[in-house]
All heavy atoms as atom14 arrays in JSON, in Angstrom:
{
  "sequence": "EITVEGEGREAERVGKLFEEMVSLLEAGQALDPANVGRSIDMVKAD",
  "atom14_mask": [
    [1, 1, 1, 1, 1, 1, 1, 1, 1, 0, 0, 0, 0, 0],
    [1, 1, 1, 1, 1, 1, 1, 1, 0, 0, 0, 0, 0, 0],
    [1, 1, 1, 1, 1, 1, 1, 0, 0, 0, 0, 0, 0, 0],
    [1, 1, 1, 1, 1, 1, 1, 0, 0, 0, 0, 0, 0, 0],
    [1, 1, 1, 1, 1, 1, 1, 1, 1, 0, 0, 0, 0, 0],
    [1, 1, 1, 1, 0, 0, 0, 0, 0, 0, 0, 0, 0, 0],
    [1, 1, 1, 1, 1, 1, 1, 1, 1, 0, 0, 0, 0, 0],
    [1, 1, 1, 1, 0, 0, 0, 0, 0, 0, 0, 0, 0, 0],
    [1, 1, 1, 1, 1, 1, 1, 1, 1, 1, 1, 0, 0, 0],
    [1, 1, 1, 1, 1, 1, 1, 1, 1, 0, 0, 0, 0, 0],
    [1, 1, 1, 1, 1, 0, 0, 0, 0, 0, 0, 0, 0, 0],
    [1, 1, 1, 1, 1, 1, 1, 1, 1, 0, 0, 0, 0, 0],
    [1, 1, 1, 1, 1, 1, 1, 1, 1, 1, 1, 0, 0, 0],
    [1, 1, 1, 1, 1, 1, 1, 0, 0, 0, 0, 0, 0, 0],
    [1, 1, 1, 1, 0, 0, 0, 0, 0, 0, 0, 0, 0, 0],
    [1, 1, 1, 1, 1, 1, 1, 1, 1, 0, 0, 0, 0, 0],
    [1, 1, 1, 1, 1, 1, 1, 1, 0, 0, 0, 0, 0, 0],
    [1, 1, 1, 1, 1, 1, 1, 1, 1, 1, 1, 0, 0, 0],
    [1, 1, 1, 1, 1, 1, 1, 1, 1, 0, 0, 0, 0, 0],
    [1, 1, 1, 1, 1, 1, 1, 1, 1, 0, 0, 0, 0, 0],
    [1, 1, 1, 1, 1, 1, 1, 1, 0, 0, 0, 0, 0, 0],
    [1, 1, 1, 1, 1, 1, 1, 0, 0, 0, 0, 0, 0, 0],
    [1, 1, 1, 1, 1, 1, 0, 0, 0, 0, 0, 0, 0, 0],
    [1, 1, 1, 1, 1, 1, 1, 1, 0, 0, 0, 0, 0, 0],
    [1, 1, 1, 1, 1, 1, 1, 1, 0, 0, 0, 0, 0, 0],
    [1, 1, 1, 1, 1, 1, 1, 1, 1, 0, 0, 0, 0, 0],
    [1, 1, 1, 1, 1, 0, 0, 0, 0, 0, 0, 0, 0, 0],
    [1, 1, 1, 1, 0, 0, 0, 0, 0, 0, 0, 0, 0, 0],
    [1, 1, 1, 1, 1, 1, 1, 1, 1, 0, 0, 0, 0, 0],
    [1, 1, 1, 1, 1, 0, 0, 0, 0, 0, 0, 0, 0, 0],
    [1, 1, 1, 1, 1, 1, 1, 1, 0, 0, 0, 0, 0, 0],
    [1, 1, 1, 1, 1, 1, 1, 1, 0, 0, 0, 0, 0, 0],
    [1, 1, 1, 1, 1, 1, 1, 0, 0, 0, 0, 0, 0, 0],
    [1, 1, 1, 1, 1, 0, 0, 0, 0, 0, 0, 0, 0, 0],
    [1, 1, 1, 1, 1, 1, 1, 1, 0, 0, 0, 0, 0, 0],
    [1, 1, 1, 1, 1, 1, 1, 0, 0, 0, 0, 0, 0, 0],
    [1, 1, 1, 1, 0, 0, 0, 0, 0, 0, 0, 0, 0, 0],
    [1, 1, 1, 1, 1, 1, 1, 1, 1, 1, 1, 0, 0, 0],
    [1, 1, 1, 1, 1, 1, 0, 0, 0, 0, 0, 0, 0, 0],
    [1, 1, 1, 1, 1, 1, 1, 1, 0, 0, 0, 0, 0, 0],
    [1, 1, 1, 1, 1, 1, 1, 1, 0, 0, 0, 0, 0, 0],
    [1, 1, 1, 1, 1, 1, 1, 1, 0, 0, 0, 0, 0, 0],
    [1, 1, 1, 1, 1, 1, 1, 0, 0, 0, 0, 0, 0, 0],
    [1, 1, 1, 1, 1, 1, 1, 1, 1, 0, 0, 0, 0, 0],
    [1, 1, 1, 1, 1, 0, 0, 0, 0, 0, 0, 0, 0, 0],
    [1, 1, 1, 1, 1, 1, 1, 1, 0, 0, 0, 0, 0, 0]
  ],
  "atom14_positions": [
    [[-13.29, 4.31, -5.21], [-12.76, 5.19, -4.17], [-12.56, 4.41, -2.88], [-13.44, 3.67, -2.44], [-13.72, 6.36, -3.91], [-13.16, 7.36, -2.9], [-14.09, 8.53, -2.67], [-15.01, 8.41, -1.84], [-13.89, 9.58, -3.33], [0.0, 0.0, 0.0], [0.0, 0.0, 0.0], [0.0, 0.0, 0.0], [0.0, 0.0, 0.0], [0.0, 0.0, 0.0]],
    [[-11.36, 4.54, -2.31], [-11.03, 3.88, -1.04], [-10.85, 4.96, 0.02], [-10.09, 5.92, -0.18], [-9.74, 3.04, -1.16], [-9.9, 1.96, -2.23], [-9.36, 2.41, 0.18], [-8.62, 1.21, -2.56], [0.0, 0.0, 0.0], [0.0, 0.0, 0.0], [0.0, 0.0, 0.0], [0.0, 0.0, 0.0], [0.0, 0.0, 0.0], [0.0, 0.0, 0.0]],
    [[-11.54, 4.82, 1.15], [-11.42, 5.77, 2.26], [-10.79, 5.06, 3.45], [-11.25, 3.98, 3.87], [-12.8, 6.32, 2.66], [-13.41, 6.92, 1.51], [-12.65, 7.38, 3.76], [0.0, 0.0, 0.0], [0.0, 0.0, 0.0], [0.0, 0.0, 0.0], [0.0, 0.0, 0.0], [0.0, 0.0, 0.0], [0.0, 0.0, 0.0], [0.0, 0.0, 0.0]],
    [[-9.74, 5.66, 3.98], [-9.03, 5.1, 5.13], [-9.2, 6.06, 6.3], [-8.95, 7.27, 6.18], [-7.52, 4.93, 4.83], [-6.81, 4.31, 6.02], [-7.31, 4.09, 3.58], [0.0, 0.0, 0.0], [0.0, 0.0, 0.0], [0.0, 0.0, 0.0], [0.0, 0.0, 0.0], [0.0, 0.0, 0.0], [0.0, 0.0, 0.0], [0.0, 0.0, 0.0]],
    [[-9.63, 5.56, 7.45], [-9.81, 6.38, 8.64], [-9.02, 5.78, 9.79], [-9.02, 4.56, 10.0], [-11.29, 6.48, 9.03], [-12.14, 7.23, 8.03], [-13.58, 7.38, 8.51], [-13.83, 7.19, 9.71], [-14.44, 7.68, 7.67], [0.0, 0.0, 0.0], [0.0, 0.0, 0.0], [0.0, 0.0, 0.0], [0.0, 0.0, 0.0], [0.0, 0.0, 0.0]],
    [[-8.35, 6.66, 10.54], [-7.59, 6.2, 11.7], [-6.6, 7.25, 12.16], [-6.64, 8.4, 11.71], [0.0, 0.0, 0.0], [0.0, 0.0, 0.0], [0.0, 0.0, 0.0], [0.0, 0.0, 0.0], [0.0, 0.0, 0.0], [0.0, 0.0, 0.0], [0.0, 0.0, 0.0], [0.0, 0.0, 0.0], [0.0, 0.0, 0.0], [0.0, 0.0, 0.0]],
    [[-5.73, 6.85, 13.07], [-4.7, 7.76, 13.58], [-3.86, 8.26, 12.4], [-3.55, 7.52, 11.48], [-3.84, 7.03, 14.61], [-2.8, 7.89, 15.31], [-1.48, 7.94, 14.55], [-1.08, 6.9, 14.0], [-0.86, 9.02, 14.54], [0.0, 0.0, 0.0], [0.0, 0.0, 0.0], [0.0, 0.0, 0.0], [0.0, 0.0, 0.0], [0.0, 0.0, 0.0]],
    [[-3.49, 9.55, 12.47], [-2.89, 10.24, 11.33], [-1.84, 9.48, 10.58], [-1.97, 9.25, 9.37], [0.0, 0.0, 0.0], [0.0, 0.0, 0.0], [0.0, 0.0, 0.0], [0.0, 0.0, 0.0], [0.0, 0.0, 0.0], [0.0, 0.0, 0.0], [0.0, 0.0, 0.0], [0.0, 0.0, 0.0], [0.0, 0.0, 0.0], [0.0, 0.0, 0.0]],
    [[-0.76, 9.07, 11.28], [0.37, 8.44, 10.58], [-0.02, 7.1, 9.98], [0.36, 6.77, 8.86], [1.54, 8.28, 11.55], [2.79, 7.69, 10.89], [4.05, 8.02, 11.68], [5.22, 7.36, 11.16], [5.86, 7.71, 10.04], [5.41, 8.73, 9.32], [6.93, 7.05, 9.64], [0.0, 0.0, 0.0], [0.0, 0.0, 0.0], [0.0, 0.0, 0.0]],
    [[-0.81, 6.31, 10.73], [-1.21, 4.99, 10.21], [-2.12, 5.12, 9.0], [-1.97, 4.4, 8.02], [-1.91, 4.2, 11.32], [-0.99, 3.62, 12.37], [-0.06, 2.57, 11.81], [-0.46, 1.39, 11.74], [1.09, 2.91, 11.42], [0.0, 0.0, 0.0], [0.0, 0.0, 0.0], [0.0, 0.0, 0.0], [0.0, 0.0, 0.0], [0.0, 0.0, 0.0]],
    [[-3.08, 6.06, 9.06], [-3.99, 6.25, 7.93], [-3.21, 6.69, 6.7], [-3.48, 6.23, 5.57], [-5.06, 7.28, 8.29], [0.0, 0.0, 0.0], [0.0, 0.0, 0.0], [0.0, 0.0, 0.0], [0.0, 0.0, 0.0], [0.0, 0.0, 0.0], [0.0, 0.0, 0.0], [0.0, 0.0, 0.0], [0.0, 0.0, 0.0], [0.0, 0.0, 0.0]],
    [[-2.23, 7.57, 6.88], [-1.42, 8.03, 5.75], [-0.59, 6.9, 5.16], [-0.41, 6.8, 3.94], [-0.52, 9.18, 6.2], [-1.28, 10.48, 6.45], [-0.42, 11.54, 7.11], [0.8, 11.32, 7.26], [-0.98, 12.59, 7.47], [0.0, 0.0, 0.0], [0.0, 0.0, 0.0], [0.0, 0.0, 0.0], [0.0, 0.0, 0.0], [0.0, 0.0, 0.0]],
    [[-0.09, 6.02, 6.04], [0.68, 4.86, 5.55], [-0.18, 3.94, 4.7], [0.25, 3.45, 3.65], [1.26, 4.08, 6.73], [2.59, 4.62, 7.24], [3.08, 3.77, 8.37], [4.45, 4.11, 8.73], [5.06, 3.7, 9.83], [4.41, 2.92, 10.68], [6.3, 4.05, 10.09], [0.0, 0.0, 0.0], [0.0, 0.0, 0.0], [0.0, 0.0, 0.0]],
    [[-1.42, 3.69, 5.16], [-2.31, 2.82, 4.39], [-2.65, 3.48, 3.06], [-2.69, 2.81, 2.01], [-3.58, 2.49, 5.19], [-4.55, 1.66, 4.35], [-3.22, 1.73, 6.46], [0.0, 0.0, 0.0], [0.0, 0.0, 0.0], [0.0, 0.0, 0.0], [0.0, 0.0, 0.0], [0.0, 0.0, 0.0], [0.0, 0.0, 0.0], [0.0, 0.0, 0.0]],
    [[-2.87, 4.79, 3.08], [-3.12, 5.51, 1.83], [-1.94, 5.39, 0.89], [-2.11, 5.14, -0.33], [0.0, 0.0, 0.0], [0.0, 0.0, 0.0], [0.0, 0.0, 0.0], [0.0, 0.0, 0.0], [0.0, 0.0, 0.0], [0.0, 0.0, 0.0], [0.0, 0.0, 0.0], [0.0, 0.0, 0.0], [0.0, 0.0, 0.0], [0.0, 0.0, 0.0]],
    [[-0.73, 5.55, 1.43], [0.49, 5.41, 0.62], [0.62, 4.0, 0.07], [1.0, 3.79, -1.09], [1.71, 5.75, 1.48], [3.04, 5.7, 0.74], [3.14, 6.83, -0.25], [4.5, 6.88, -0.9], [4.55, 7.89, -1.98], [0.0, 0.0, 0.0], [0.0, 0.0, 0.0], [0.0, 0.0, 0.0], [0.0, 0.0, 0.0], [0.0, 0.0, 0.0]],
    [[0.27, 2.99, 0.89], [0.34, 1.6, 0.45], [-0.57, 1.37, -0.75], [-0.15, 0.77, -1.75], [-0.06, 0.67, 1.6], [-0.19, -0.82, 1.24], [1.15, -1.41, 0.83], [-0.79, -1.6, 2.42], [0.0, 0.0, 0.0], [0.0, 0.0, 0.0], [0.0, 0.0, 0.0], [0.0, 0.0, 0.0], [0.0, 0.0, 0.0], [0.0, 0.0, 0.0]],
    [[-1.82, 1.84, -0.68], [-2.73, 1.65, -1.81], [-2.23, 2.37, -3.06], [-2.35, 1.85, -4.18], [-4.14, 2.11, -1.44], [-4.93, 1.09, -0.65], [-5.35, 1.36, 0.64], [-5.23, -0.14, -1.21], [-6.07, 0.42, 1.36], [-5.94, -1.1, -0.49], [-6.36, -0.82, 0.8], [0.0, 0.0, 0.0], [0.0, 0.0, 0.0], [0.0, 0.0, 0.0]],
    [[-1.65, 3.56, -2.89], [-1.09, 4.28, -4.04], [0.05, 3.49, -4.68], [0.16, 3.4, -5.91], [-0.59, 5.65, -3.61], [-1.7, 6.64, -3.26], [-1.18, 7.93, -2.66], [0.06, 8.05, -2.51], [-1.99, 8.81, -2.35], [0.0, 0.0, 0.0], [0.0, 0.0, 0.0], [0.0, 0.0, 0.0], [0.0, 0.0, 0.0], [0.0, 0.0, 0.0]],
    [[0.89, 2.89, -3.83], [2.0, 2.08, -4.34], [1.49, 0.82, -5.04], [2.02, 0.41, -6.08], [2.94, 1.7, -3.19], [3.78, 2.85, -2.67], [4.84, 3.27, -3.67], [5.62, 2.41, -4.11], [4.89, 4.46, -4.01], [0.0, 0.0, 0.0], [0.0, 0.0, 0.0], [0.0, 0.0, 0.0], [0.0, 0.0, 0.0], [0.0, 0.0, 0.0]],
    [[0.45, 0.21, -4.48], [-0.13, -0.99, -5.08], [-0.73, -0.67, -6.45], [-0.6, -1.45, -7.41], [-1.17, -1.61, -4.15], [-0.57, -2.25, -2.9], [-1.79, -2.61, -1.61], [-2.81, -3.87, -2.39], [0.0, 0.0, 0.0], [0.0, 0.0, 0.0], [0.0, 0.0, 0.0], [0.0, 0.0, 0.0], [0.0, 0.0, 0.0], [0.0, 0.0, 0.0]],
    [[-1.36, 0.5, -6.57], [-1.89, 0.94, -7.86], [-0.74, 1.13, -8.86], [-0.83, 0.71, -10.02], [-2.71, 2.25, -7.71], [-3.02, 2.85, -9.08], [-4.0, 1.97, -6.95], [0.0, 0.0, 0.0], [0.0, 0.0, 0.0], [0.0, 0.0, 0.0], [0.0, 0.0, 0.0], [0.0, 0.0, 0.0], [0.0, 0.0, 0.0], [0.0, 0.0, 0.0]],
    [[0.37, 1.73, -8.4], [1.53, 1.94, -9.28], [2.08, 0.6, -9.77], [2.46, 0.48, -10.94], [2.63, 2.71, -8.54], [2.22, 4.01, -8.23], [0.0, 0.0, 0.0], [0.0, 0.0, 0.0], [0.0, 0.0, 0.0], [0.0, 0.0, 0.0], [0.0, 0.0, 0.0], [0.0, 0.0, 0.0], [0.0, 0.0, 0.0], [0.0, 0.0, 0.0]],
    [[2.12, -0.4, -8.89], [2.6, -1.72, -9.29], [1.69, -2.34, -10.35], [2.17, -2.92, -11.33], [2.7, -2.63, -8.06], [3.83, -2.32, -7.08], [3.66, -3.1, -5.79], [5.2, -2.64, -7.7], [0.0, 0.0, 0.0], [0.0, 0.0, 0.0], [0.0, 0.0, 0.0], [0.0, 0.0, 0.0], [0.0, 0.0, 0.0], [0.0, 0.0, 0.0]],
    [[0.38, -2.22, -10.15], [-0.56, -2.75, -11.12], [-0.41, -2.05, -12.46], [-0.43, -2.68, -13.52], [-2.0, -2.6, -10.6], [-2.41, -3.54, -9.46], [-3.75, -3.11, -8.9], [-2.47, -4.99, -9.94], [0.0, 0.0, 0.0], [0.0, 0.0, 0.0], [0.0, 0.0, 0.0], [0.0, 0.0, 0.0], [0.0, 0.0, 0.0], [0.0, 0.0, 0.0]],
    [[-0.25, -0.73, -12.44], [-0.09, 0.02, -13.69], [1.21, -0.32, -14.4], [1.3, -0.18, -15.62], [-0.16, 1.53, -13.39], [-1.55, 2.0, -12.98], [-1.6, 3.48, -12.67], [-0.61, 4.02, -12.12], [-2.63, 4.1, -12.97], [0.0, 0.0, 0.0], [0.0, 0.0, 0.0], [0.0, 0.0, 0.0], [0.0, 0.0, 0.0], [0.0, 0.0, 0.0]],
    [[2.21, -0.8, -13.63], [3.49, -1.21, -14.23], [3.44, -2.65, -14.73], [4.45, -3.19, -15.2], [4.62, -1.05, -13.22], [0.0, 0.0, 0.0], [0.0, 0.0, 0.0], [0.0, 0.0, 0.0], [0.0, 0.0, 0.0], [0.0, 0.0, 0.0], [0.0, 0.0, 0.0], [0.0, 0.0, 0.0], [0.0, 0.0, 0.0], [0.0, 0.0, 0.0]],
    [[2.26, -3.29, -14.62], [2.11, -4.65, -15.12], [2.39, -5.74, -14.1], [2.44, -6.92, -14.46], [0.0, 0.0, 0.0], [0.0, 0.0, 0.0], [0.0, 0.0, 0.0], [0.0, 0.0, 0.0], [0.0, 0.0, 0.0], [0.0, 0.0, 0.0], [0.0, 0.0, 0.0], [0.0, 0.0, 0.0], [0.0, 0.0, 0.0], [0.0, 0.0, 0.0]],
    [[2.59, -5.36, -12.84], [2.87, -6.34, -11.8], [1.57, -6.9, -11.24], [0.64, -6.15, -10.93], [3.64, -5.68, -10.65], [5.04, -5.29, -11.0], [6.02, -6.38, -10.61], [5.77, -7.55, -10.8], [7.13, -5.98, -10.04], [0.0, 0.0, 0.0], [0.0, 0.0, 0.0], [0.0, 0.0, 0.0], [0.0, 0.0, 0.0], [0.0, 0.0, 0.0]],
    [[1.48, -8.21, -11.1], [0.33, -8.83, -10.44], [0.56, -8.81, -8.93], [1.69, -8.98, -8.46], [0.16, -10.26, -10.94], [0.0, 0.0, 0.0], [0.0, 0.0, 0.0], [0.0, 0.0, 0.0], [0.0, 0.0, 0.0], [0.0, 0.0, 0.0], [0.0, 0.0, 0.0], [0.0, 0.0, 0.0], [0.0, 0.0, 0.0], [0.0, 0.0, 0.0]],
    [[-0.51, -8.59, -8.19], [-0.41, -8.57, -6.73], [-0.93, -9.88, -6.16], [-1.91, -10.44, -6.66], [-1.22, -7.4, -6.15], [-0.77, -5.99, -6.54], [-1.71, -4.94, -5.95], [0.66, -5.73, -6.09], [0.0, 0.0, 0.0], [0.0, 0.0, 0.0], [0.0, 0.0, 0.0], [0.0, 0.0, 0.0], [0.0, 0.0, 0.0], [0.0, 0.0, 0.0]],
    [[-0.24, -10.38, -5.14], [-0.7, -11.55, -4.41], [-0.42, -11.31, -2.92], [0.24, -10.33, -2.56], [-0.02, -12.82, -4.92], [1.5, -12.77, -4.83], [2.03, -12.13, -3.89], [2.18, -13.37, -5.69], [0.0, 0.0, 0.0], [0.0, 0.0, 0.0], [0.0, 0.0, 0.0], [0.0, 0.0, 0.0], [0.0, 0.0, 0.0], [0.0, 0.0, 0.0]],
    [[-0.93, -12.18, -2.04], [-0.72, -11.93, -0.6], [0.75, -11.8, -0.21], [1.09, -11.02, 0.68], [-1.37, -13.15, 0.06], [-2.44, -13.57, -0.91], [-1.86, -13.3, -2.27], [0.0, 0.0, 0.0], [0.0, 0.0, 0.0], [0.0, 0.0, 0.0], [0.0, 0.0, 0.0], [0.0, 0.0, 0.0], [0.0, 0.0, 0.0], [0.0, 0.0, 0.0]],
    [[1.64, -12.54, -0.9], [3.07, -12.48, -0.54], [3.67, -11.12, -0.84], [4.31, -10.49, 0.02], [3.84, -13.58, -1.27], [0.0, 0.0, 0.0], [0.0, 0.0, 0.0], [0.0, 0.0, 0.0], [0.0, 0.0, 0.0], [0.0, 0.0, 0.0], [0.0, 0.0, 0.0], [0.0, 0.0, 0.0], [0.0, 0.0, 0.0], [0.0, 0.0, 0.0]],
    [[3.48, -10.61, -2.09], [4.11, -9.34, -2.38], [3.37, -8.15, -1.76], [3.98, -7.1, -1.53], [4.38, -9.13, -3.88], [3.16, -9.2, -4.76], [2.06, -8.92, -4.32], [3.36, -9.57, -6.02], [0.0, 0.0, 0.0], [0.0, 0.0, 0.0], [0.0, 0.0, 0.0], [0.0, 0.0, 0.0], [0.0, 0.0, 0.0], [0.0, 0.0, 0.0]],
    [[2.09, -8.32, -1.45], [1.4, -7.27, -0.67], [1.98, -7.23, 0.75], [2.21, -6.14, 1.29], [-0.13, -7.5, -0.65], [-0.8, -6.59, 0.39], [-0.72, -7.24, -2.03], [0.0, 0.0, 0.0], [0.0, 0.0, 0.0], [0.0, 0.0, 0.0], [0.0, 0.0, 0.0], [0.0, 0.0, 0.0], [0.0, 0.0, 0.0], [0.0, 0.0, 0.0]],
    [[2.24, -8.4, 1.32], [2.86, -8.44, 2.65], [4.23, -7.78, 2.66], [4.57, -7.01, 3.58], [0.0, 0.0, 0.0], [0.0, 0.0, 0.0], [0.0, 0.0, 0.0], [0.0, 0.0, 0.0], [0.0, 0.0, 0.0], [0.0, 0.0, 0.0], [0.0, 0.0, 0.0], [0.0, 0.0, 0.0], [0.0, 0.0, 0.0], [0.0, 0.0, 0.0]],
    [[5.03, -8.03, 1.6], [6.34, -7.38, 1.51], [6.18, -5.88, 1.3], [6.96, -5.08, 1.83], [7.15, -7.99, 0.37], [7.51, -9.46, 0.6], [8.36, -10.02, -0.53], [8.36, -11.47, -0.49], [7.86, -12.26, -1.43], [7.34, -11.73, -2.53], [7.89, -13.57, -1.3], [0.0, 0.0, 0.0], [0.0, 0.0, 0.0], [0.0, 0.0, 0.0]],
    [[5.18, -5.48, 0.53], [4.93, -4.05, 0.31], [4.55, -3.37, 1.62], [4.97, -2.23, 1.87], [3.8, -3.86, -0.72], [4.19, -4.35, -1.98], [0.0, 0.0, 0.0], [0.0, 0.0, 0.0], [0.0, 0.0, 0.0], [0.0, 0.0, 0.0], [0.0, 0.0, 0.0], [0.0, 0.0, 0.0], [0.0, 0.0, 0.0], [0.0, 0.0, 0.0]],
    [[3.8, -4.04, 2.45], [3.43, -3.49, 3.76], [4.68, -3.26, 4.6], [4.85, -2.2, 5.22], [2.44, -4.43, 4.47], [1.08, -4.39, 3.77], [2.3, -4.07, 5.95], [0.13, -5.49, 4.19], [0.0, 0.0, 0.0], [0.0, 0.0, 0.0], [0.0, 0.0, 0.0], [0.0, 0.0, 0.0], [0.0, 0.0, 0.0], [0.0, 0.0, 0.0]],
    [[5.58, -4.25, 4.62], [6.83, -4.1, 5.38], [7.62, -2.9, 4.87], [8.2, -2.15, 5.66], [7.69, -5.37, 5.26], [7.12, -6.53, 6.06], [6.32, -6.28, 6.98], [7.5, -7.69, 5.78], [0.0, 0.0, 0.0], [0.0, 0.0, 0.0], [0.0, 0.0, 0.0], [0.0, 0.0, 0.0], [0.0, 0.0, 0.0], [0.0, 0.0, 0.0]],
    [[7.66, -2.73, 3.55], [8.43, -1.63, 2.97], [7.81, -0.27, 3.32], [8.53, 0.67, 3.69], [8.54, -1.79, 1.45], [9.53, -2.87, 1.02], [9.68, -2.94, -0.79], [9.02, -4.56, -1.11], [0.0, 0.0, 0.0], [0.0, 0.0, 0.0], [0.0, 0.0, 0.0], [0.0, 0.0, 0.0], [0.0, 0.0, 0.0], [0.0, 0.0, 0.0]],
    [[6.5, -0.16, 3.2], [5.83, 1.1, 3.51], [6.05, 1.46, 4.98], [6.29, 2.62, 5.33], [4.33, 1.03, 3.16], [3.57, 2.21, 3.77], [4.15, 1.02, 1.64], [0.0, 0.0, 0.0], [0.0, 0.0, 0.0], [0.0, 0.0, 0.0], [0.0, 0.0, 0.0], [0.0, 0.0, 0.0], [0.0, 0.0, 0.0], [0.0, 0.0, 0.0]],
    [[6.0, 0.46, 5.86], [6.24, 0.72, 7.28], [7.67, 1.18, 7.54], [7.94, 1.87, 8.51], [5.94, -0.54, 8.1], [4.45, -0.84, 8.23], [4.19, -2.06, 9.12], [2.7, -2.27, 9.32], [2.4, -3.43, 10.21], [0.0, 0.0, 0.0], [0.0, 0.0, 0.0], [0.0, 0.0, 0.0], [0.0, 0.0, 0.0], [0.0, 0.0, 0.0]],
    [[8.59, 0.79, 6.64], [9.99, 1.22, 6.76], [10.27, 2.46, 5.89], [11.43, 2.81, 5.68], [10.92, 0.08, 6.34], [0.0, 0.0, 0.0], [0.0, 0.0, 0.0], [0.0, 0.0, 0.0], [0.0, 0.0, 0.0], [0.0, 0.0, 0.0], [0.0, 0.0, 0.0], [0.0, 0.0, 0.0], [0.0, 0.0, 0.0], [0.0, 0.0, 0.0]],
    [[9.2, 3.11, 5.4], [9.32, 4.31, 4.57], [10.11, 4.06, 3.28], [10.89, 4.89, 2.83], [9.96, 5.47, 5.36], [9.05, 5.95, 6.49], [7.83, 5.98, 6.29], [9.58, 6.28, 7.57], [0.0, 0.0, 0.0], [0.0, 0.0, 0.0], [0.0, 0.0, 0.0], [0.0, 0.0, 0.0], [0.0, 0.0, 0.0], [0.0, 0.0, 0.0]]
  ]
}
């Protein structure tokens, strides 16, 4: 279980990011700092 606390929109973005990262892992994608960084940029751009 991951708990994120903070200002509403930012906390929701981080929650969404972890959900997306889980989806990538379930699809067989390996995560590394580079594609996590790109995922962060994408989540920030909705």
